Amino acid sequence: MNITIIGRKCNPREDFRSRVEKRLQKVEKLFGEDALAKVTATVEKNYQSVEVTVNKGGMLFRAEERAENINDALDECVESLIRQIRKNKTRVEKKLRATAFEDFIASDIEEETEFDLIREKSVALKPQSVEEAILQMNLLGHKFYMFLNADTDLINVVYVRNDSGYGLIVPDYDA
């Protein structure tokens, strides 16, 4: 597995880097050596967070956890990734065509076999700037808002991040 470690507001030490490689060996068994993993460590005043994103064959798996200690955040993050994979074992296996899951995933977590789609909603898309979309999202009291970007003429999504900032999701047709 190709692992990239990034530090935000910190410079990850070598012992953290070796711990990342050791902890991600569990995940590497599932995805193989050609998977890409990006680990982002962030240090804030009151907490430290670790985000792990694994990319295998166009499928993305992502987990982010916070803790007082960066090593604890890493451990929780890897366990969260494994729970996600266990919960969606059948779909992930079909998508990746991997047999590694059979040996690895014996779990007490109930596999989700059907998605319970409760509601479908139509949205009228009108061209807006990102700033207008964020304002509209805040006025509605939503955590995310889909809109037609007036600058790019593409459908985008703005959302409220856990770190109290905003995010923008744009389509990537080259992926």
N, C-alpha and C. Protein backbone atom coordinates (compact mmCIF):
# COMPACT_ATOMS: atom_id res chain seq x y z
N MET A 1 0.85 -1.17 0.00
CA MET A 1 0.00 0.00 0.00
C MET A 1 0.89 1.23 0.00
N ASN A 2 0.56 2.15 -0.86
CA ASN A 2 1.30 3.40 -0.94
C ASN A 2 0.68 4.38 0.06
N ILE A 3 1.44 4.76 1.08
CA ILE A 3 0.92 5.61 2.16
C ILE A 3 1.57 6.98 2.09
N THR A 4 0.72 8.01 2.11
CA THR A 4 1.19 9.39 2.16
C THR A 4 0.73 9.98 3.48
N ILE A 5 1.66 10.56 4.25
CA ILE A 5 1.33 11.14 5.54
C ILE A 5 1.55 12.64 5.47
N ILE A 6 0.48 13.38 5.84
CA ILE A 6 0.51 14.83 5.78
C ILE A 6 0.25 15.37 7.18
N GLY A 7 0.95 16.40 7.56
CA GLY A 7 0.72 17.04 8.85
C GLY A 7 0.17 18.44 8.66
N ARG A 8 -0.90 18.74 9.36
CA ARG A 8 -1.46 20.10 9.37
C ARG A 8 -1.21 20.67 10.76
N LYS A 9 -0.57 21.80 10.78
CA LYS A 9 -0.19 22.45 12.04
C LYS A 9 0.73 21.57 12.87
N CYS A 10 1.39 20.63 12.22
CA CYS A 10 2.35 19.76 12.91
C CYS A 10 3.25 19.11 11.88
N ASN A 11 4.31 18.51 12.36
CA ASN A 11 5.21 17.73 11.52
C ASN A 11 5.26 16.34 12.13
N PRO A 12 4.56 15.35 11.55
CA PRO A 12 4.49 14.02 12.15
C PRO A 12 5.88 13.41 12.36
N ARG A 13 6.08 12.91 13.58
CA ARG A 13 7.37 12.31 13.91
C ARG A 13 7.49 10.92 13.32
N GLU A 14 8.69 10.39 13.35
CA GLU A 14 8.97 9.09 12.76
C GLU A 14 8.22 7.97 13.48
N ASP A 15 8.06 8.07 14.81
CA ASP A 15 7.33 7.02 15.53
C ASP A 15 5.85 6.99 15.12
N PHE A 16 5.27 8.16 14.80
CA PHE A 16 3.89 8.20 14.30
C PHE A 16 3.83 7.57 12.91
N ARG A 17 4.82 7.88 12.08
CA ARG A 17 4.85 7.32 10.72
C ARG A 17 4.93 5.80 10.76
N SER A 18 5.77 5.26 11.61
CA SER A 18 5.88 3.79 11.69
C SER A 18 4.60 3.18 12.28
N ARG A 19 3.95 3.89 13.21
CA ARG A 19 2.68 3.40 13.77
C ARG A 19 1.60 3.38 12.68
N VAL A 20 1.59 4.39 11.82
CA VAL A 20 0.63 4.43 10.71
C VAL A 20 0.83 3.21 9.82
N GLU A 21 2.08 2.96 9.44
CA GLU A 21 2.35 1.81 8.57
C GLU A 21 1.93 0.50 9.22
N LYS A 22 2.19 0.36 10.51
CA LYS A 22 1.82 -0.86 11.22
C LYS A 22 0.30 -1.02 11.29
N ARG A 23 -0.41 0.05 11.64
CA ARG A 23 -1.87 -0.03 11.78
C ARG A 23 -2.56 -0.24 10.43
N LEU A 24 -2.00 0.31 9.37
CA LEU A 24 -2.63 0.17 8.06
C LEU A 24 -2.33 -1.17 7.39
N GLN A 25 -1.51 -2.01 8.03
CA GLN A 25 -1.28 -3.35 7.50
C GLN A 25 -2.58 -4.15 7.50
N LYS A 26 -3.44 -3.93 8.49
CA LYS A 26 -4.75 -4.59 8.52
C LYS A 26 -5.56 -4.25 7.28
N VAL A 27 -5.53 -2.98 6.93
CA VAL A 27 -6.29 -2.51 5.78
C VAL A 27 -5.65 -2.98 4.47
N GLU A 28 -4.32 -3.05 4.46
CA GLU A 28 -3.61 -3.48 3.25
C GLU A 28 -3.97 -4.92 2.90
N LYS A 29 -4.23 -5.76 3.89
CA LYS A 29 -4.62 -7.14 3.62
C LYS A 29 -5.89 -7.20 2.79
N LEU A 30 -6.76 -6.23 2.98
CA LEU A 30 -8.02 -6.19 2.25
C LEU A 30 -7.86 -5.68 0.82
N PHE A 31 -7.03 -4.67 0.65
CA PHE A 31 -6.98 -3.96 -0.62
C PHE A 31 -5.77 -4.30 -1.48
N GLY A 32 -4.74 -4.87 -0.91
CA GLY A 32 -3.55 -5.18 -1.68
C GLY A 32 -2.57 -4.03 -1.72
N GLU A 33 -1.46 -4.28 -2.37
CA GLU A 33 -0.36 -3.31 -2.38
C GLU A 33 -0.60 -2.13 -3.30
N ASP A 34 -1.55 -2.26 -4.25
CA ASP A 34 -1.76 -1.16 -5.19
C ASP A 34 -2.74 -0.11 -4.69
N ALA A 35 -3.24 -0.27 -3.47
CA ALA A 35 -4.15 0.73 -2.89
C ALA A 35 -3.34 1.96 -2.45
N LEU A 36 -4.02 3.11 -2.46
CA LEU A 36 -3.39 4.36 -2.03
C LEU A 36 -4.03 4.81 -0.72
N ALA A 37 -3.22 5.16 0.25
CA ALA A 37 -3.74 5.65 1.53
C ALA A 37 -3.15 7.03 1.80
N LYS A 38 -4.03 7.93 2.21
CA LYS A 38 -3.59 9.28 2.58
C LYS A 38 -3.98 9.50 4.03
N VAL A 39 -3.01 9.79 4.86
CA VAL A 39 -3.23 10.01 6.29
C VAL A 39 -2.90 11.46 6.59
N THR A 40 -3.89 12.18 7.14
CA THR A 40 -3.69 13.58 7.49
C THR A 40 -3.82 13.72 9.00
N ALA A 41 -2.76 14.19 9.63
CA ALA A 41 -2.75 14.42 11.09
C ALA A 41 -2.84 15.92 11.33
N THR A 42 -3.76 16.31 12.22
CA THR A 42 -3.97 17.71 12.54
C THR A 42 -3.90 17.91 14.05
N VAL A 43 -3.18 18.94 14.46
CA VAL A 43 -3.08 19.25 15.88
C VAL A 43 -3.79 20.59 16.12
N GLU A 44 -4.77 20.56 17.01
CA GLU A 44 -5.51 21.76 17.41
C GLU A 44 -5.24 22.00 18.89
N LYS A 45 -5.81 23.07 19.43
CA LYS A 45 -5.59 23.39 20.84
C LYS A 45 -6.09 22.30 21.78
N ASN A 46 -7.33 21.87 21.58
CA ASN A 46 -7.98 20.96 22.52
C ASN A 46 -8.00 19.50 22.09
N TYR A 47 -7.58 19.22 20.87
CA TYR A 47 -7.64 17.85 20.39
C TYR A 47 -6.66 17.65 19.24
N GLN A 48 -6.49 16.39 18.87
CA GLN A 48 -5.70 16.03 17.71
C GLN A 48 -6.57 15.12 16.86
N SER A 49 -6.49 15.26 15.56
CA SER A 49 -7.33 14.44 14.71
C SER A 49 -6.50 13.76 13.63
N VAL A 50 -7.02 12.62 13.19
CA VAL A 50 -6.40 11.86 12.12
C VAL A 50 -7.50 11.52 11.11
N GLU A 51 -7.20 11.76 9.85
CA GLU A 51 -8.11 11.40 8.77
C GLU A 51 -7.38 10.41 7.86
N VAL A 52 -8.02 9.28 7.56
CA VAL A 52 -7.44 8.28 6.68
C VAL A 52 -8.38 8.11 5.49
N THR A 53 -7.84 8.24 4.29
CA THR A 53 -8.60 8.01 3.07
C THR A 53 -7.87 6.94 2.27
N VAL A 54 -8.59 5.86 1.94
CA VAL A 54 -8.03 4.77 1.16
C VAL A 54 -8.72 4.76 -0.20
N ASN A 55 -7.93 4.71 -1.27
CA ASN A 55 -8.46 4.69 -2.63
C ASN A 55 -8.02 3.39 -3.28
N LYS A 56 -9.00 2.61 -3.69
CA LYS A 56 -8.71 1.35 -4.39
C LYS A 56 -9.69 1.21 -5.54
N GLY A 57 -9.21 1.24 -6.74
CA GLY A 57 -10.04 1.03 -7.90
C GLY A 57 -11.17 2.04 -8.03
N GLY A 58 -10.96 3.27 -7.62
CA GLY A 58 -11.98 4.29 -7.72
C GLY A 58 -12.92 4.34 -6.54
N MET A 59 -12.86 3.36 -5.64
CA MET A 59 -13.68 3.40 -4.43
C MET A 59 -12.89 4.09 -3.33
N LEU A 60 -13.56 4.99 -2.64
CA LEU A 60 -12.92 5.73 -1.56
C LEU A 60 -13.50 5.30 -0.23
N PHE A 61 -12.64 5.08 0.73
CA PHE A 61 -13.03 4.79 2.10
C PHE A 61 -12.39 5.85 2.96
N ARG A 62 -13.18 6.49 3.82
CA ARG A 62 -12.66 7.60 4.60
C ARG A 62 -13.16 7.53 6.03
N ALA A 63 -12.27 7.83 6.95
CA ALA A 63 -12.64 7.93 8.36
C ALA A 63 -11.83 9.05 8.98
N GLU A 64 -12.46 9.75 9.93
CA GLU A 64 -11.78 10.83 10.65
C GLU A 64 -12.16 10.71 12.11
N GLU A 65 -11.18 10.75 12.98
CA GLU A 65 -11.43 10.66 14.42
C GLU A 65 -10.59 11.68 15.15
N ARG A 66 -11.12 12.11 16.32
CA ARG A 66 -10.43 13.06 17.18
C ARG A 66 -10.17 12.42 18.53
N ALA A 67 -9.08 12.81 19.14
CA ALA A 67 -8.75 12.34 20.48
C ALA A 67 -7.73 13.30 21.09
N GLU A 68 -7.47 13.13 22.37
CA GLU A 68 -6.46 13.97 23.03
C GLU A 68 -5.06 13.60 22.55
N ASN A 69 -4.87 12.33 22.21
CA ASN A 69 -3.57 11.82 21.77
C ASN A 69 -3.69 11.42 20.30
N ILE A 70 -2.70 11.77 19.50
CA ILE A 70 -2.76 11.50 18.06
C ILE A 70 -2.73 10.00 17.77
N ASN A 71 -2.05 9.21 18.59
CA ASN A 71 -2.01 7.77 18.40
C ASN A 71 -3.38 7.15 18.66
N ASP A 72 -4.09 7.66 19.68
CA ASP A 72 -5.44 7.18 19.95
C ASP A 72 -6.38 7.51 18.79
N ALA A 73 -6.22 8.71 18.23
CA ALA A 73 -7.04 9.11 17.10
C ALA A 73 -6.78 8.20 15.89
N LEU A 74 -5.51 7.84 15.68
CA LEU A 74 -5.16 6.94 14.58
C LEU A 74 -5.80 5.57 14.79
N ASP A 75 -5.69 5.03 16.00
CA ASP A 75 -6.28 3.71 16.29
C ASP A 75 -7.78 3.72 16.05
N GLU A 76 -8.47 4.75 16.54
CA GLU A 76 -9.92 4.85 16.36
C GLU A 76 -10.28 4.99 14.89
N CYS A 77 -9.46 5.70 14.15
CA CYS A 77 -9.71 5.92 12.73
C CYS A 77 -9.60 4.61 11.94
N VAL A 78 -8.59 3.83 12.21
CA VAL A 78 -8.42 2.55 11.52
C VAL A 78 -9.57 1.61 11.87
N GLU A 79 -9.95 1.57 13.15
CA GLU A 79 -11.09 0.73 13.54
C GLU A 79 -12.38 1.19 12.88
N SER A 80 -12.56 2.48 12.73
CA SER A 80 -13.74 3.02 12.06
C SER A 80 -13.77 2.59 10.59
N LEU A 81 -12.62 2.63 9.92
CA LEU A 81 -12.54 2.16 8.53
C LEU A 81 -12.93 0.69 8.42
N ILE A 82 -12.42 -0.11 9.32
CA ILE A 82 -12.70 -1.54 9.29
C ILE A 82 -14.19 -1.79 9.54
N ARG A 83 -14.80 -1.03 10.46
CA ARG A 83 -16.25 -1.17 10.70
C ARG A 83 -17.03 -0.83 9.43
N GLN A 84 -16.63 0.23 8.73
CA GLN A 84 -17.31 0.61 7.49
C GLN A 84 -17.26 -0.53 6.48
N ILE A 85 -16.10 -1.13 6.35
CA ILE A 85 -15.91 -2.20 5.38
C ILE A 85 -16.74 -3.42 5.78
N ARG A 86 -16.74 -3.76 7.07
CA ARG A 86 -17.53 -4.90 7.54
C ARG A 86 -19.01 -4.68 7.30
N LYS A 87 -19.48 -3.47 7.54
CA LYS A 87 -20.90 -3.16 7.40
C LYS A 87 -21.35 -3.30 5.96
N ASN A 88 -20.47 -3.00 5.03
CA ASN A 88 -20.82 -3.04 3.61
C ASN A 88 -20.03 -4.11 2.87
N LYS A 89 -19.74 -5.22 3.54
CA LYS A 89 -18.87 -6.27 3.03
C LYS A 89 -19.28 -6.75 1.64
N THR A 90 -20.54 -7.11 1.45
CA THR A 90 -20.98 -7.69 0.19
C THR A 90 -20.81 -6.71 -0.97
N ARG A 91 -21.23 -5.47 -0.76
CA ARG A 91 -21.11 -4.47 -1.82
C ARG A 91 -19.65 -4.18 -2.15
N VAL A 92 -18.83 -4.10 -1.12
CA VAL A 92 -17.41 -3.81 -1.33
C VAL A 92 -16.75 -4.95 -2.08
N GLU A 93 -17.06 -6.20 -1.71
CA GLU A 93 -16.49 -7.35 -2.40
C GLU A 93 -16.86 -7.35 -3.87
N LYS A 94 -18.12 -7.08 -4.16
CA LYS A 94 -18.57 -7.05 -5.56
C LYS A 94 -17.83 -5.97 -6.33
N LYS A 95 -17.67 -4.82 -5.72
CA LYS A 95 -17.03 -3.69 -6.40
C LYS A 95 -15.55 -3.96 -6.64
N LEU A 96 -14.88 -4.51 -5.64
CA LEU A 96 -13.44 -4.74 -5.75
C LEU A 96 -13.09 -6.12 -6.26
N ARG A 97 -14.07 -7.02 -6.27
CA ARG A 97 -13.85 -8.42 -6.66
C ARG A 97 -12.68 -9.02 -5.87
N ALA A 98 -12.74 -8.83 -4.59
CA ALA A 98 -11.66 -9.31 -3.72
C ALA A 98 -12.15 -10.48 -2.89
N THR A 99 -11.28 -11.45 -2.67
CA THR A 99 -11.62 -12.58 -1.82
C THR A 99 -10.96 -12.45 -0.46
N ALA A 100 -10.16 -11.45 -0.28
CA ALA A 100 -9.47 -11.25 1.00
C ALA A 100 -10.45 -10.99 2.13
N PHE A 101 -11.63 -10.54 1.81
CA PHE A 101 -12.60 -10.19 2.83
C PHE A 101 -13.10 -11.42 3.59
N GLU A 102 -13.16 -12.56 2.93
CA GLU A 102 -13.71 -13.76 3.57
C GLU A 102 -12.95 -14.13 4.83
N ASP A 103 -11.64 -14.12 4.75
CA ASP A 103 -10.84 -14.49 5.91
C ASP A 103 -10.79 -13.38 6.95
N PHE A 104 -10.79 -12.17 6.50
CA PHE A 104 -10.57 -11.03 7.39
C PHE A 104 -11.80 -10.63 8.16
N ILE A 105 -12.95 -10.70 7.53
CA ILE A 105 -14.13 -10.11 8.13
C ILE A 105 -15.04 -11.18 8.70
N ALA A 106 -14.79 -11.53 9.92
CA ALA A 106 -15.73 -12.32 10.71
C ALA A 106 -16.10 -11.39 11.83
N SER A 107 -17.34 -10.97 11.87
CA SER A 107 -17.67 -9.85 12.72
C SER A 107 -18.98 -10.02 13.43
N ASP A 108 -19.11 -9.30 14.55
CA ASP A 108 -20.39 -9.24 15.25
C ASP A 108 -21.20 -8.04 14.77
N ILE A 109 -20.65 -7.27 13.83
CA ILE A 109 -21.37 -6.14 13.27
C ILE A 109 -22.30 -6.67 12.18
N GLU A 110 -23.55 -6.31 12.29
CA GLU A 110 -24.52 -6.78 11.31
C GLU A 110 -24.31 -6.08 9.98
N GLU A 111 -24.24 -6.89 8.92
CA GLU A 111 -24.03 -6.33 7.59
C GLU A 111 -25.31 -5.69 7.11
N GLU A 112 -25.17 -4.53 6.52
CA GLU A 112 -26.31 -3.81 5.97
C GLU A 112 -26.57 -4.35 4.57
N THR A 113 -27.70 -5.06 4.38
CA THR A 113 -27.98 -5.68 3.10
C THR A 113 -28.86 -4.83 2.21
N GLU A 114 -29.66 -3.95 2.81
CA GLU A 114 -30.51 -3.06 2.04
C GLU A 114 -30.43 -1.66 2.61
N PHE A 115 -30.51 -0.69 1.73
CA PHE A 115 -30.57 0.69 2.18
C PHE A 115 -32.03 1.09 2.27
N ASP A 116 -32.40 1.72 3.35
CA ASP A 116 -33.77 2.12 3.57
C ASP A 116 -33.93 3.58 3.15
N LEU A 117 -34.23 3.79 1.87
CA LEU A 117 -34.42 5.13 1.34
C LEU A 117 -35.80 5.60 1.78
N ILE A 118 -35.82 6.59 2.65
CA ILE A 118 -37.06 7.04 3.26
C ILE A 118 -37.72 8.14 2.45
N ARG A 119 -36.92 9.00 1.84
CA ARG A 119 -37.50 10.15 1.16
C ARG A 119 -36.70 10.52 -0.06
N GLU A 120 -37.39 10.96 -1.09
CA GLU A 120 -36.75 11.49 -2.28
C GLU A 120 -37.23 12.91 -2.46
N LYS A 121 -36.31 13.80 -2.79
CA LYS A 121 -36.66 15.20 -2.88
C LYS A 121 -36.14 15.79 -4.19
N SER A 122 -36.98 16.58 -4.85
CA SER A 122 -36.56 17.29 -6.06
C SER A 122 -36.09 18.68 -5.66
N VAL A 123 -35.03 19.14 -6.33
CA VAL A 123 -34.48 20.45 -6.02
C VAL A 123 -34.39 21.26 -7.30
N ALA A 124 -34.94 22.46 -7.29
CA ALA A 124 -34.82 23.36 -8.42
C ALA A 124 -33.45 24.01 -8.36
N LEU A 125 -32.66 23.78 -9.38
CA LEU A 125 -31.31 24.32 -9.39
C LEU A 125 -31.28 25.63 -10.16
N LYS A 126 -30.81 26.66 -9.49
CA LYS A 126 -30.62 27.93 -10.17
C LYS A 126 -29.15 28.32 -10.02
N PRO A 127 -28.60 28.98 -11.03
CA PRO A 127 -27.18 29.36 -10.94
C PRO A 127 -26.94 30.29 -9.74
N GLN A 128 -25.91 29.94 -8.96
CA GLN A 128 -25.53 30.73 -7.79
C GLN A 128 -24.02 30.72 -7.65
N SER A 129 -23.52 31.72 -6.97
CA SER A 129 -22.10 31.71 -6.60
C SER A 129 -21.96 30.85 -5.35
N VAL A 130 -20.73 30.49 -5.02
CA VAL A 130 -20.48 29.68 -3.82
C VAL A 130 -20.94 30.44 -2.58
N GLU A 131 -20.68 31.74 -2.54
CA GLU A 131 -21.07 32.55 -1.39
C GLU A 131 -22.59 32.58 -1.23
N GLU A 132 -23.32 32.71 -2.35
CA GLU A 132 -24.78 32.70 -2.28
C GLU A 132 -25.30 31.35 -1.79
N ALA A 133 -24.66 30.27 -2.23
CA ALA A 133 -25.07 28.93 -1.82
C ALA A 133 -24.85 28.73 -0.32
N ILE A 134 -23.73 29.21 0.20
CA ILE A 134 -23.46 29.09 1.64
C ILE A 134 -24.48 29.91 2.43
N LEU A 135 -24.78 31.10 1.96
CA LEU A 135 -25.79 31.93 2.62
C LEU A 135 -27.15 31.21 2.62
N GLN A 136 -27.53 30.65 1.48
CA GLN A 136 -28.82 29.95 1.38
C GLN A 136 -28.84 28.74 2.33
N MET A 137 -27.74 27.98 2.38
CA MET A 137 -27.65 26.83 3.27
C MET A 137 -27.83 27.26 4.72
N ASN A 138 -27.16 28.35 5.11
CA ASN A 138 -27.27 28.85 6.48
C ASN A 138 -28.68 29.35 6.78
N LEU A 139 -29.30 29.99 5.82
CA LEU A 139 -30.67 30.48 6.02
C LEU A 139 -31.65 29.32 6.21
N LEU A 140 -31.40 28.21 5.51
CA LEU A 140 -32.26 27.04 5.64
C LEU A 140 -31.95 26.22 6.89
N GLY A 141 -30.77 26.45 7.46
CA GLY A 141 -30.36 25.69 8.64
C GLY A 141 -29.92 24.28 8.30
N HIS A 142 -29.46 24.05 7.06
CA HIS A 142 -29.02 22.74 6.63
C HIS A 142 -27.52 22.56 6.84
N LYS A 143 -27.07 21.32 6.79
CA LYS A 143 -25.64 21.01 6.90
C LYS A 143 -24.97 20.96 5.53
N PHE A 144 -25.78 20.83 4.46
CA PHE A 144 -25.24 20.83 3.11
C PHE A 144 -26.26 21.46 2.17
N TYR A 145 -25.79 21.85 0.98
CA TYR A 145 -26.68 22.50 0.02
C TYR A 145 -26.15 22.25 -1.39
N MET A 146 -27.00 21.69 -2.26
CA MET A 146 -26.64 21.43 -3.65
C MET A 146 -27.09 22.61 -4.50
N PHE A 147 -26.22 23.01 -5.44
CA PHE A 147 -26.56 24.17 -6.28
C PHE A 147 -25.84 24.09 -7.62
N LEU A 148 -26.29 24.87 -8.57
CA LEU A 148 -25.64 24.98 -9.87
C LEU A 148 -24.67 26.15 -9.79
N ASN A 149 -23.39 25.85 -9.88
CA ASN A 149 -22.35 26.87 -9.76
C ASN A 149 -22.39 27.80 -10.98
N ALA A 150 -22.64 29.07 -10.74
CA ALA A 150 -22.75 30.05 -11.82
C ALA A 150 -21.43 30.23 -12.56
N ASP A 151 -20.30 30.00 -11.89
CA ASP A 151 -18.99 30.20 -12.52
C ASP A 151 -18.60 29.03 -13.41
N THR A 152 -18.94 27.80 -13.00
CA THR A 152 -18.50 26.61 -13.74
C THR A 152 -19.62 25.92 -14.49
N ASP A 153 -20.87 26.26 -14.19
CA ASP A 153 -22.05 25.62 -14.79
C ASP A 153 -22.12 24.13 -14.45
N LEU A 154 -21.57 23.75 -13.29
CA LEU A 154 -21.61 22.37 -12.81
C LEU A 154 -22.36 22.32 -11.49
N ILE A 155 -22.93 21.15 -11.20
CA ILE A 155 -23.60 20.97 -9.91
C ILE A 155 -22.54 20.80 -8.84
N ASN A 156 -22.63 21.57 -7.77
CA ASN A 156 -21.70 21.53 -6.64
C ASN A 156 -22.50 21.35 -5.35
N VAL A 157 -21.79 20.99 -4.29
CA VAL A 157 -22.39 20.89 -2.96
C VAL A 157 -21.49 21.64 -1.99
N VAL A 158 -22.09 22.53 -1.20
CA VAL A 158 -21.37 23.16 -0.10
C VAL A 158 -21.84 22.48 1.18
N TYR A 159 -20.97 22.40 2.18
CA TYR A 159 -21.33 21.76 3.43
C TYR A 159 -20.58 22.38 4.58
N VAL A 160 -21.11 22.16 5.78
CA VAL A 160 -20.48 22.65 7.01
C VAL A 160 -19.54 21.56 7.50
N ARG A 161 -18.29 21.92 7.70
CA ARG A 161 -17.29 20.96 8.21
C ARG A 161 -17.33 20.90 9.73
N ASN A 162 -16.84 19.81 10.28
CA ASN A 162 -16.79 19.66 11.73
C ASN A 162 -15.89 20.69 12.39
N ASP A 163 -14.88 21.19 11.65
CA ASP A 163 -13.96 22.17 12.22
C ASP A 163 -14.48 23.59 12.04
N SER A 164 -15.78 23.74 11.85
CA SER A 164 -16.51 25.00 11.76
C SER A 164 -16.21 25.80 10.50
N GLY A 165 -15.60 25.21 9.53
CA GLY A 165 -15.41 25.86 8.23
C GLY A 165 -16.45 25.33 7.25
N TYR A 166 -16.26 25.66 6.01
CA TYR A 166 -17.15 25.19 4.95
C TYR A 166 -16.34 24.38 3.95
N GLY A 167 -17.01 23.46 3.28
CA GLY A 167 -16.38 22.67 2.23
C GLY A 167 -17.18 22.80 0.95
N LEU A 168 -16.51 22.52 -0.17
CA LEU A 168 -17.16 22.56 -1.47
C LEU A 168 -16.83 21.26 -2.19
N ILE A 169 -17.85 20.56 -2.66
CA ILE A 169 -17.67 19.34 -3.42
C ILE A 169 -17.96 19.66 -4.88
N VAL A 170 -16.97 19.38 -5.73
CA VAL A 170 -17.11 19.62 -7.17
C VAL A 170 -16.91 18.30 -7.89
N PRO A 171 -17.61 18.08 -9.00
CA PRO A 171 -17.45 16.81 -9.73
C PRO A 171 -16.09 16.75 -10.42
N ASP A 172 -15.52 15.55 -10.44
CA ASP A 172 -14.26 15.30 -11.12
C ASP A 172 -14.54 14.23 -12.18
N TYR A 173 -14.71 14.65 -13.41
CA TYR A 173 -15.08 13.72 -14.47
C TYR A 173 -13.89 12.92 -14.99
N ASP A 174 -12.69 13.23 -14.53
CA ASP A 174 -11.50 12.50 -14.96
C ASP A 174 -11.18 11.32 -14.07
N ALA A 175 -11.86 11.20 -12.93
CA ALA A 175 -11.54 10.13 -11.97
C ALA A 175 -12.09 8.80 -12.43
